[in-house]
């Protein structure tokens, strides 16, 4: 199999794996449940939506909304504020912009991984192996499950490319 085809197939597997669970959750909530848009790390996810909402309202300065004196705000969290502006301009829901950005970010990450390994390894076999492991694998935390431990590679989204693509843009 050609190298580019291999990258495409692994990328497609990753994109499907990070997208299908969200579609399934959104479709199966029923009348009694409303899917909030996040399958893990819901506190952070909702804080990202709150930041995006400030951008949707036209703000470029982030303020703390739950204080007696929110102040004049500051130029932080510009990524999420900017996504809010995009949602307002395109007239689409914040959650849709979040997840489309998450998928586009995953695609950019895969492209960067492929180019990184193309410069690092002269052997196509090593490049393909490194790409597949980087894109789809996580840590060895699963080895701790029989002992009752819950390792960080199951809940710290930024530690591994797959989990990061699954939860964050």
Protein backbone atom coordinates (compact mmCIF):
# COMPACT_ATOMS: atom_id res chain seq x y z
CA UNK A 1 0.00 0.00 0.00
CA UNK A 2 1.29 3.43 -0.89
CA UNK A 3 2.29 5.66 1.98
CA UNK A 4 -0.24 8.42 1.25
CA UNK A 5 -3.04 5.85 1.03
CA UNK A 6 -1.98 4.45 4.38
CA UNK A 7 -2.06 7.90 5.96
CA UNK A 8 -5.49 8.50 4.45
CA UNK A 9 -6.91 5.22 5.79
CA UNK A 10 -5.51 5.77 9.29
CA UNK A 11 -6.80 9.34 9.19
CA UNK A 12 -10.24 8.19 8.11
CA UNK A 13 -10.34 5.63 10.92
CA UNK A 14 -9.40 8.32 13.43
CA UNK A 15 -11.95 10.85 12.12
CA UNK A 16 -14.72 8.24 12.18
CA UNK A 17 -13.71 7.07 15.65
CA UNK A 18 -13.84 10.60 17.06
CA UNK A 19 -17.08 11.54 15.28
CA UNK A 20 -19.44 8.55 15.38
CA UNK A 21 -19.80 8.47 19.20
CA UNK A 22 -20.93 12.12 19.21
CA UNK A 23 -23.45 11.53 16.43
CA UNK A 24 -24.74 8.45 18.22
CA UNK A 25 -25.08 10.30 21.53
CA UNK A 26 -26.89 13.21 19.88
CA UNK A 27 -29.35 10.87 18.14
CA UNK A 28 -30.17 8.54 21.04
CA UNK A 29 -30.97 10.98 23.83
CA UNK A 30 -34.71 10.64 23.43
CA UNK A 31 -37.35 13.03 24.74
CA UNK A 32 -36.21 12.77 28.35
CA UNK A 33 -32.55 13.57 27.77
CA UNK A 34 -30.71 16.35 25.99
CA UNK A 35 -27.19 15.71 24.79
CA UNK A 36 -24.98 18.54 26.00
CA UNK A 37 -22.44 18.03 23.24
CA UNK A 38 -19.59 16.46 25.21
CA UNK A 39 -18.75 12.86 26.00
CA UNK A 40 -15.85 13.54 28.32
CA UNK A 41 -14.39 16.50 30.15
CA UNK A 42 -17.80 18.18 30.26
CA UNK A 43 -16.77 20.93 32.67
CA UNK A 44 -14.04 22.15 30.35
CA UNK A 45 -16.27 21.67 27.31
CA UNK A 46 -19.00 23.83 28.78
CA UNK A 47 -16.46 26.48 29.75
CA UNK A 48 -15.29 26.54 26.12
CA UNK A 49 -18.89 27.05 24.99
CA UNK A 50 -19.27 29.88 27.52
CA UNK A 51 -16.17 31.56 26.11
CA UNK A 52 -17.50 31.06 22.60
CA UNK A 53 -20.78 32.61 23.69
CA UNK A 54 -18.94 35.75 24.76
CA UNK A 55 -17.42 35.88 21.28
CA UNK A 56 -20.83 35.25 19.74
CA UNK A 57 -22.08 38.32 21.62
CA UNK A 58 -19.34 40.33 19.89
CA UNK A 59 -16.74 40.46 22.66
CA UNK A 60 -13.02 40.11 22.07
CA UNK A 61 -12.16 40.63 25.73
CA UNK A 62 -12.89 37.70 28.00
CA UNK A 63 -14.62 38.54 31.28
CA UNK A 64 -15.50 36.37 34.25
CA UNK A 65 -19.30 36.34 34.15
CA UNK A 66 -19.93 35.05 37.67
CA UNK A 67 -18.28 37.76 39.73
CA UNK A 68 -19.64 40.90 41.33
CA UNK A 69 -17.19 42.97 39.29
CA UNK A 70 -16.29 41.27 35.98
CA UNK A 71 -13.90 44.11 35.15
CA UNK A 72 -12.98 45.30 31.69
CA UNK A 73 -11.84 41.87 30.55
CA UNK A 74 -8.66 40.75 28.91
CA UNK A 75 -7.43 39.42 25.61
CA UNK A 76 -7.24 35.77 26.63
CA UNK A 77 -9.00 32.69 25.25
CA UNK A 78 -9.00 34.39 21.85
CA UNK A 79 -9.33 31.06 20.06
CA UNK A 80 -12.70 30.34 21.66
CA UNK A 81 -13.84 33.95 21.43
CA UNK A 82 -12.95 33.84 17.73
CA UNK A 83 -14.95 30.64 17.25
CA UNK A 84 -17.91 32.44 18.79
CA UNK A 85 -17.53 35.23 16.24
CA UNK A 86 -17.45 32.61 13.46
CA UNK A 87 -20.66 31.04 14.78
CA UNK A 88 -22.39 34.44 14.85
CA UNK A 89 -21.23 35.42 11.36
CA UNK A 90 -22.22 32.06 9.85
CA UNK A 91 -25.40 31.89 11.96
CA UNK A 92 -24.72 28.34 13.14
CA UNK A 93 -24.87 26.84 16.65
CA UNK A 94 -21.82 27.18 18.87
CA UNK A 95 -21.69 23.43 19.40
CA UNK A 96 -21.54 22.77 15.66
CA UNK A 97 -18.66 25.22 15.25
CA UNK A 98 -16.88 23.58 18.19
CA UNK A 99 -17.12 20.07 16.73
CA UNK A 100 -16.31 21.06 13.15
CA UNK A 101 -13.25 22.86 14.50
CA UNK A 102 -12.37 19.76 16.54
CA UNK A 103 -12.47 17.59 13.42
CA UNK A 104 -10.50 20.12 11.34
CA UNK A 105 -7.95 20.33 14.15
CA UNK A 106 -7.60 16.54 14.13
CA UNK A 107 -6.98 16.62 10.39
CA UNK A 108 -4.29 19.28 10.82
CA UNK A 109 -2.70 17.23 13.59
CA UNK A 110 -2.58 14.16 11.34
CA UNK A 111 -1.02 16.19 8.54
CA UNK A 112 1.62 17.53 10.95
CA UNK A 113 2.36 14.02 12.25
CA UNK A 114 2.79 12.68 8.71
CA UNK A 115 5.19 15.47 7.77
CA UNK A 116 7.09 15.13 11.02
CA UNK A 117 7.67 11.42 10.46
CA UNK A 118 8.59 12.00 6.81
CA UNK A 119 11.48 14.17 7.99
CA UNK A 120 12.39 11.96 10.94
CA UNK A 121 12.48 8.46 9.43
CA UNK A 122 14.02 7.53 6.08
CA UNK A 123 12.18 4.19 6.01
CA UNK A 124 8.54 4.26 4.81
CA UNK A 125 7.76 1.28 7.07
CA UNK A 126 8.95 3.13 10.16
CA UNK A 127 7.06 6.27 9.13
CA UNK A 128 3.84 4.32 8.71
CA UNK A 129 4.26 2.50 12.02
CA UNK A 130 5.06 5.71 13.90
CA UNK A 131 2.11 7.49 12.30
CA UNK A 132 -0.35 4.72 13.14
CA UNK A 133 0.84 4.45 16.73
CA UNK A 134 0.79 8.21 17.23
CA UNK A 135 -2.63 8.67 15.67
CA UNK A 136 -4.49 5.76 17.22
CA UNK A 137 -2.74 4.64 20.38
CA UNK A 138 -2.74 5.90 23.92
CA UNK A 139 -0.60 5.09 26.90
CA UNK A 140 -0.32 1.94 28.92
CA UNK A 141 -2.96 2.96 31.45
CA UNK A 142 -5.13 0.02 30.48
CA UNK A 143 -2.60 -2.20 32.27
CA UNK A 144 -3.60 -0.58 35.57
CA UNK A 145 -7.32 -1.37 35.25
CA UNK A 146 -7.10 -4.90 36.74
CA UNK A 147 -5.51 -3.32 39.83
CA UNK A 148 -8.30 -0.79 40.27
CA UNK A 149 -6.28 2.19 39.06
CA UNK A 150 -7.50 4.75 36.56
CA UNK A 151 -4.57 6.21 34.63
CA UNK A 152 -4.38 9.67 33.12
CA UNK A 153 -4.46 8.41 29.54
CA UNK A 154 -8.20 7.83 30.03
CA UNK A 155 -9.10 11.32 31.15
CA UNK A 156 -6.36 13.90 30.46
CA UNK A 157 -7.31 14.77 26.90
CA UNK A 158 -4.13 16.64 26.04
CA UNK A 159 -1.80 13.71 26.73
CA UNK A 160 -2.39 11.68 23.55
CA UNK A 161 -3.34 12.69 20.01
CA UNK A 162 -6.36 10.39 19.80
CA UNK A 163 -7.90 11.53 23.07
CA UNK A 164 -7.10 15.14 22.28
CA UNK A 165 -8.84 14.87 18.90
CA UNK A 166 -11.77 13.13 20.58
CA UNK A 167 -12.43 15.93 23.03
CA UNK A 168 -10.83 19.27 22.04
CA UNK A 169 -10.32 21.41 18.94
